[in-house]
Amino acid sequence: MSAHSQPGARTLHTVDCRECGISSGAFWIRWRAYRIDDPELDEPPALAFYCPACSDREFGPRRRNRL
């Protein structure tokens, strides 16, 4: 029986940073995703993922919601 067919088996999903190419690994802490398609051009939805360093550099530090 392979790991993929075992009950309760988990799959690890990773992404690569669009800017630097680093892999997210198992933990996506502070990673950000941005929609990169143009809905007005009838493009299919698409996301680009950015590591914490690249997202801060490209888009500025993440703002926290304060109530």
N, C-alpha and C. Protein backbone atom coordinates (compact mmCIF):
# COMPACT_ATOMS: atom_id res chain seq x y z
N MET A 1 0.85 -1.17 0.00
CA MET A 1 0.00 0.00 0.00
C MET A 1 0.90 1.24 0.00
N SER A 2 0.68 2.15 -0.92
CA SER A 2 1.50 3.35 -0.99
C SER A 2 0.97 4.40 -0.02
N ALA A 3 1.79 5.39 0.26
CA ALA A 3 1.39 6.47 1.18
C ALA A 3 0.20 7.24 0.65
N HIS A 4 0.05 7.28 -0.67
CA HIS A 4 -1.05 8.04 -1.26
C HIS A 4 -2.39 7.36 -1.06
N SER A 5 -2.40 6.05 -0.85
CA SER A 5 -3.67 5.35 -0.72
C SER A 5 -4.00 4.99 0.73
N GLN A 6 -3.15 5.36 1.67
CA GLN A 6 -3.41 5.05 3.07
C GLN A 6 -4.46 5.99 3.63
N PRO A 7 -5.39 5.46 4.39
CA PRO A 7 -6.39 6.33 5.03
C PRO A 7 -5.70 7.34 5.94
N GLY A 8 -6.12 8.57 5.88
CA GLY A 8 -5.56 9.62 6.72
C GLY A 8 -4.23 10.16 6.25
N ALA A 9 -3.72 9.68 5.10
CA ALA A 9 -2.45 10.18 4.59
C ALA A 9 -2.60 11.65 4.20
N ARG A 10 -1.57 12.41 4.40
CA ARG A 10 -1.60 13.84 4.08
C ARG A 10 -0.69 14.12 2.90
N THR A 11 -1.06 15.14 2.15
CA THR A 11 -0.27 15.56 1.01
C THR A 11 0.35 16.92 1.32
N LEU A 12 1.61 17.07 1.03
CA LEU A 12 2.30 18.33 1.25
C LEU A 12 2.19 19.18 -0.02
N HIS A 13 1.64 20.37 0.12
CA HIS A 13 1.52 21.30 -1.00
C HIS A 13 2.53 22.42 -0.81
N THR A 14 3.33 22.67 -1.80
CA THR A 14 4.31 23.76 -1.75
C THR A 14 4.11 24.65 -2.97
N VAL A 15 4.63 25.86 -2.87
CA VAL A 15 4.63 26.79 -4.00
C VAL A 15 6.02 27.40 -4.10
N ASP A 16 6.32 28.01 -5.22
CA ASP A 16 7.59 28.70 -5.42
C ASP A 16 7.33 30.19 -5.53
N CYS A 17 8.23 30.99 -4.97
CA CYS A 17 8.11 32.45 -5.04
C CYS A 17 8.29 32.90 -6.48
N ARG A 18 7.40 33.76 -6.92
CA ARG A 18 7.45 34.27 -8.30
C ARG A 18 8.71 35.10 -8.55
N GLU A 19 9.22 35.75 -7.52
CA GLU A 19 10.40 36.63 -7.68
C GLU A 19 11.72 35.87 -7.57
N CYS A 20 11.92 35.16 -6.47
CA CYS A 20 13.24 34.56 -6.21
C CYS A 20 13.27 33.05 -6.45
N GLY A 21 12.11 32.41 -6.56
CA GLY A 21 12.05 30.99 -6.86
C GLY A 21 12.17 30.06 -5.66
N ILE A 22 12.34 30.59 -4.46
CA ILE A 22 12.47 29.74 -3.28
C ILE A 22 11.16 28.99 -3.05
N SER A 23 11.27 27.78 -2.49
CA SER A 23 10.09 26.96 -2.21
C SER A 23 9.53 27.30 -0.84
N SER A 24 8.23 27.22 -0.72
CA SER A 24 7.58 27.49 0.56
C SER A 24 7.84 26.41 1.58
N GLY A 25 8.14 25.21 1.15
CA GLY A 25 8.28 24.10 2.09
C GLY A 25 6.94 23.80 2.73
N ALA A 26 6.96 23.19 3.89
CA ALA A 26 5.74 22.78 4.57
C ALA A 26 5.01 23.94 5.24
N PHE A 27 5.72 25.02 5.54
CA PHE A 27 5.13 26.12 6.29
C PHE A 27 5.04 27.37 5.43
N TRP A 28 3.84 27.90 5.31
CA TRP A 28 3.60 29.06 4.45
C TRP A 28 3.46 30.34 5.27
N ILE A 29 4.10 30.40 6.40
CA ILE A 29 3.96 31.56 7.29
C ILE A 29 4.46 32.82 6.58
N ARG A 30 3.61 33.85 6.54
CA ARG A 30 3.87 35.16 5.95
C ARG A 30 3.97 35.14 4.42
N TRP A 31 3.74 34.02 3.76
CA TRP A 31 3.70 34.00 2.30
C TRP A 31 2.42 34.70 1.87
N ARG A 32 2.47 35.35 0.72
CA ARG A 32 1.29 36.04 0.19
C ARG A 32 1.01 35.60 -1.23
N ALA A 33 -0.27 35.64 -1.59
CA ALA A 33 -0.69 35.31 -2.95
C ALA A 33 -1.43 36.51 -3.51
N TYR A 34 -1.17 36.81 -4.78
CA TYR A 34 -1.83 37.92 -5.46
C TYR A 34 -2.43 37.42 -6.76
N ARG A 35 -3.60 37.91 -7.08
CA ARG A 35 -4.24 37.56 -8.33
C ARG A 35 -3.50 38.29 -9.45
N ILE A 36 -3.12 37.54 -10.50
CA ILE A 36 -2.32 38.14 -11.57
C ILE A 36 -3.02 38.14 -12.92
N ASP A 37 -4.21 37.57 -12.99
CA ASP A 37 -4.93 37.60 -14.26
C ASP A 37 -5.71 38.90 -14.37
N ASP A 38 -6.20 39.18 -15.55
CA ASP A 38 -7.02 40.37 -15.78
C ASP A 38 -8.44 39.91 -16.08
N PRO A 39 -9.37 40.05 -15.13
CA PRO A 39 -10.74 39.58 -15.35
C PRO A 39 -11.42 40.24 -16.55
N GLU A 40 -11.01 41.44 -16.89
CA GLU A 40 -11.63 42.13 -18.02
C GLU A 40 -11.23 41.52 -19.36
N LEU A 41 -10.18 40.73 -19.38
CA LEU A 41 -9.73 40.08 -20.61
C LEU A 41 -10.19 38.63 -20.70
N ASP A 42 -11.10 38.23 -19.81
CA ASP A 42 -11.62 36.86 -19.78
C ASP A 42 -10.51 35.83 -19.62
N GLU A 43 -9.46 36.18 -18.89
CA GLU A 43 -8.39 35.22 -18.58
C GLU A 43 -8.85 34.34 -17.43
N PRO A 44 -8.40 33.09 -17.40
CA PRO A 44 -8.75 32.26 -16.24
C PRO A 44 -8.05 32.79 -14.99
N PRO A 45 -8.67 32.61 -13.83
CA PRO A 45 -8.05 33.09 -12.59
C PRO A 45 -6.67 32.49 -12.39
N ALA A 46 -5.73 33.31 -11.95
CA ALA A 46 -4.36 32.85 -11.71
C ALA A 46 -3.79 33.59 -10.50
N LEU A 47 -2.99 32.89 -9.71
CA LEU A 47 -2.34 33.47 -8.54
C LEU A 47 -0.83 33.39 -8.68
N ALA A 48 -0.15 34.38 -8.11
CA ALA A 48 1.31 34.36 -7.98
C ALA A 48 1.60 34.39 -6.49
N PHE A 49 2.56 33.57 -6.08
CA PHE A 49 2.93 33.47 -4.68
C PHE A 49 4.27 34.15 -4.45
N TYR A 50 4.39 34.84 -3.30
CA TYR A 50 5.60 35.57 -2.95
C TYR A 50 6.05 35.19 -1.54
N CYS A 51 7.34 34.92 -1.38
CA CYS A 51 7.90 34.63 -0.06
C CYS A 51 7.84 35.91 0.79
N PRO A 52 8.03 35.81 2.09
CA PRO A 52 7.96 37.00 2.95
C PRO A 52 8.90 38.13 2.54
N ALA A 53 10.15 37.81 2.20
CA ALA A 53 11.11 38.86 1.84
C ALA A 53 10.71 39.55 0.55
N CYS A 54 10.34 38.80 -0.46
CA CYS A 54 9.97 39.40 -1.74
C CYS A 54 8.65 40.15 -1.65
N SER A 55 7.69 39.62 -0.90
CA SER A 55 6.41 40.32 -0.79
C SER A 55 6.57 41.64 -0.05
N ASP A 56 7.41 41.67 0.99
CA ASP A 56 7.66 42.93 1.69
C ASP A 56 8.36 43.93 0.77
N ARG A 57 9.32 43.46 -0.01
CA ARG A 57 10.06 44.34 -0.92
C ARG A 57 9.16 44.85 -2.05
N GLU A 58 8.35 43.99 -2.62
CA GLU A 58 7.53 44.36 -3.77
C GLU A 58 6.27 45.14 -3.39
N PHE A 59 5.65 44.78 -2.25
CA PHE A 59 4.35 45.35 -1.91
C PHE A 59 4.30 46.06 -0.57
N GLY A 60 5.42 46.09 0.14
CA GLY A 60 5.46 46.73 1.45
C GLY A 60 5.07 45.76 2.54
N PRO A 61 5.36 46.12 3.78
CA PRO A 61 5.03 45.24 4.89
C PRO A 61 3.53 45.02 5.00
N ARG A 62 3.17 43.87 5.47
CA ARG A 62 1.77 43.53 5.63
C ARG A 62 1.17 44.35 6.75
N ARG A 63 0.01 44.93 6.50
CA ARG A 63 -0.69 45.69 7.54
C ARG A 63 -1.55 44.75 8.36
N ARG A 64 -1.54 44.97 9.64
CA ARG A 64 -2.37 44.15 10.52
C ARG A 64 -3.70 44.86 10.75
N ASN A 65 -4.75 44.06 10.81
CA ASN A 65 -6.07 44.62 11.12
C ASN A 65 -6.15 44.87 12.61
N ARG A 66 -6.43 46.08 12.96
CA ARG A 66 -6.57 46.44 14.38
C ARG A 66 -7.99 46.93 14.59
N LEU A 67 -8.64 46.33 15.54
CA LEU A 67 -10.03 46.73 15.84
C LEU A 67 -10.09 47.64 17.03
